[in-house]
Amino acid sequence: MKQFSAVLPHLPHLIMTHHAERRCIQRNIHISDLQHIIDYGHGSHRQNMRFFTVKKSELPHELDHKSADKLSRLVVVMDLVQPLIITAYYQARPYKHIRKKNKKINLDHVSGTQKTQYLKHRHFR
C-alpha cells in the first residue's frame, strides 16, 4: 500500500508518495525541478504509468545552460489514474530509455497472490 505525503505547495493538484520524496532528497531533485518537467514537458504512457520528460528546447530561455541540461535528463514517473508522483530519477538519454520500455507490464513471472494484489492496487483505487 502506498503512503502519501503532503500535497506539494507549488503543485497543489499533485501528491507525492513517501518513496518519491525520499528519492528526490537522495538524488537532489527539487520541487521546482518537478514543476518545470510537468509544466513544460510531455508524458508518455508505459507500463501503466506516465513518464514525464522535457527537451532543452522546450524549457524557458531564462534558465542557464547547466540547469537546462540537468532538467533535460530528469524523468518524473506518475500514476495514470491519480495525480500522484511515484518517483523521479536522472537518465542520460531519457527519451530512448522510455521508448525502449515495454508498453505493458509482464506479470507472467509473478505468483498468483502477488499478481492479484498488484492488479487490485492498480485498478481499484
Protein backbone atom coordinates (compact mmCIF):
# COMPACT_ATOMS: atom_id res chain seq x y z
CA MET A 1 0.00 0.00 0.00
CA LYS A 2 1.35 3.42 -0.93
CA GLN A 3 1.69 6.03 1.75
CA PHE A 4 1.14 9.62 0.78
CA SER A 5 2.97 12.68 1.93
CA ALA A 6 1.51 16.15 1.99
CA VAL A 7 0.32 17.93 -1.13
CA LEU A 8 3.12 19.82 -2.87
CA PRO A 9 2.95 23.59 -2.22
CA HIS A 10 3.95 24.58 -5.78
CA LEU A 11 1.80 21.91 -7.41
CA PRO A 12 -1.40 21.78 -5.31
CA HIS A 13 -3.11 19.28 -7.62
CA LEU A 14 -0.30 16.68 -7.20
CA ILE A 15 0.51 14.34 -4.35
CA MET A 16 3.95 12.85 -3.74
CA THR A 17 4.50 9.39 -2.24
CA HIS A 18 6.99 8.91 0.59
CA HIS A 19 9.09 6.90 -1.84
CA ALA A 20 9.21 9.80 -4.31
CA GLU A 21 10.03 12.22 -1.51
CA ARG A 22 12.96 10.04 -0.34
CA ARG A 23 14.29 9.53 -3.87
CA CYS A 24 14.13 13.26 -4.63
CA ILE A 25 16.13 14.00 -1.49
CA GLN A 26 18.68 11.29 -2.33
CA ARG A 27 19.01 12.46 -5.93
CA ASN A 28 19.00 16.19 -5.14
CA ILE A 29 15.83 16.85 -7.14
CA HIS A 30 13.99 19.99 -6.05
CA ILE A 31 10.25 20.62 -6.23
CA SER A 32 10.90 23.41 -8.72
CA ASP A 33 12.60 20.82 -11.00
CA LEU A 34 9.49 18.63 -10.85
CA GLN A 35 7.34 21.65 -11.59
CA HIS A 36 9.39 22.53 -14.70
CA ILE A 37 9.19 18.97 -16.02
CA ILE A 38 5.42 18.72 -15.54
CA ASP A 39 4.71 22.24 -16.84
CA TYR A 40 6.97 22.26 -19.92
CA GLY A 41 7.45 18.58 -20.72
CA HIS A 42 5.21 15.92 -22.13
CA GLY A 43 4.25 12.48 -20.92
CA SER A 44 4.49 9.01 -22.40
CA HIS A 45 2.31 6.10 -21.29
CA ARG A 46 4.26 2.95 -20.50
CA GLN A 47 3.70 0.11 -18.04
CA ASN A 48 0.52 1.63 -16.56
CA MET A 49 2.43 4.78 -15.64
CA ARG A 50 3.05 8.18 -17.17
CA PHE A 51 6.69 9.22 -17.71
CA PHE A 52 7.29 12.98 -17.99
CA THR A 53 10.40 14.32 -19.71
CA VAL A 54 11.38 17.63 -21.28
CA LYS A 55 13.74 18.62 -24.08
CA LYS A 56 16.13 21.54 -23.68
CA SER A 57 14.34 23.39 -26.47
CA GLU A 58 11.03 23.18 -24.55
CA LEU A 59 12.43 24.88 -21.44
CA PRO A 60 12.27 28.66 -20.91
CA HIS A 61 15.30 30.53 -22.24
CA GLU A 62 15.79 32.26 -18.87
CA LEU A 63 17.27 29.04 -17.43
CA ASP A 64 21.05 28.82 -17.52
CA HIS A 65 22.71 26.07 -19.59
CA LYS A 66 23.62 23.92 -16.58
CA SER A 67 20.04 23.89 -15.21
CA ALA A 68 18.57 23.17 -18.65
CA ASP A 69 20.99 20.25 -19.11
CA LYS A 70 20.09 18.86 -15.68
CA LEU A 71 16.33 19.15 -16.33
CA SER A 72 16.59 17.54 -19.77
CA ARG A 73 17.92 14.37 -18.10
CA LEU A 74 15.17 14.20 -15.44
CA VAL A 75 12.31 11.69 -15.64
CA VAL A 76 9.22 12.04 -13.43
CA VAL A 77 7.05 8.92 -13.06
CA MET A 78 3.37 9.48 -12.28
CA ASP A 79 0.30 7.32 -11.81
CA LEU A 80 -2.15 7.14 -14.72
CA VAL A 81 -5.29 7.24 -12.56
CA GLN A 82 -4.45 9.65 -9.74
CA PRO A 83 -2.39 12.87 -9.73
CA LEU A 84 0.37 11.06 -7.88
CA ILE A 85 4.16 11.32 -8.30
CA ILE A 86 5.64 7.85 -7.83
CA THR A 87 9.34 8.61 -8.32
CA ALA A 88 11.84 10.80 -10.18
CA TYR A 89 15.29 9.97 -11.49
CA TYR A 90 18.03 11.11 -13.86
CA GLN A 91 18.69 9.28 -17.11
CA ALA A 92 21.38 10.16 -19.65
CA ARG A 93 19.04 9.66 -22.63
CA PRO A 94 15.52 9.75 -21.20
CA TYR A 95 13.56 9.58 -24.48
CA LYS A 96 15.41 6.48 -25.65
CA HIS A 97 15.14 4.93 -22.17
CA ILE A 98 11.36 5.38 -22.06
CA ARG A 99 10.80 4.39 -25.69
CA LYS A 100 12.55 1.04 -25.07
CA LYS A 101 10.27 0.16 -22.14
CA ASN A 102 7.50 -2.35 -22.78
CA LYS A 103 4.10 -0.77 -23.17
CA LYS A 104 2.54 -3.20 -20.72
CA ILE A 105 3.90 -4.85 -17.60
CA ASN A 106 4.50 -8.58 -17.95
CA LEU A 107 3.18 -10.31 -14.83
CA ASP A 108 3.90 -13.89 -16.00
CA HIS A 109 6.79 -14.29 -13.56
CA VAL A 110 4.69 -13.11 -10.57
CA SER A 111 2.84 -15.58 -8.34
CA GLY A 112 -0.98 -15.64 -8.27
CA THR A 113 -1.40 -13.83 -4.94
CA GLN A 114 1.08 -11.07 -5.78
CA LYS A 115 -0.48 -10.63 -9.23
CA THR A 116 -3.96 -10.27 -7.69
CA GLN A 117 -2.70 -7.71 -5.16
CA TYR A 118 -0.94 -5.74 -7.88
CA LEU A 119 -3.98 -5.66 -10.14
CA LYS A 120 -6.28 -4.67 -7.26
CA HIS A 121 -3.89 -1.88 -6.27
CA ARG A 122 -3.58 -0.56 -9.84
CA HIS A 123 -7.22 -0.68 -10.90
CA PHE A 124 -9.41 -0.30 -7.82
CA ARG A 125 -8.19 2.80 -6.03
